Amino acid sequence: MNDQVKILLIEDNKETLSGLESYLAGKYRIITARNGLEGMNAFEADREGIGLIITDLVMPVIDGVTLIGAIKRKAPKLPIIAITGWCPHPEGLGTEAKADLVFDKPFEMEDLDQAIKKLLT
């Protein structure tokens, strides 16, 4: 039941965060954070309630690679999708961080939605 799944979106770009939130809000319960520290705090506050995380890799305060590594140590089975537009080799960075999937910006929202559905099954 996707409408019951809570997704944590972590993105420092306001327009990207707003677009992701708008697209996914009709299908999932959404929590947002605007940097890695806010994202970590949101994860810690609702660790058991979050079903999936989508995070940028290049962010202020705590970068996505560090954030994903810390979360995966605490919740290794929690699916995480990394997104980035600033990295020349996003797959390598995502693999290093142990992200389940990596999307290079810009990407199609439908592709992201399909990836979410696949990771949640």
Foldseek 3Di string as FASTA:
>chain_A
DQQQAEEEEEAQDPVVQVVLCVVCVVRYHYDYHNFLVRSLVVCVVCVPRHQEYEYEQDGPPDGPLRSLQVNCVVPVLRAYEYEYAPDPDQVVSCVSSVHPYYYYPPDDVVVVVVVVVVSND
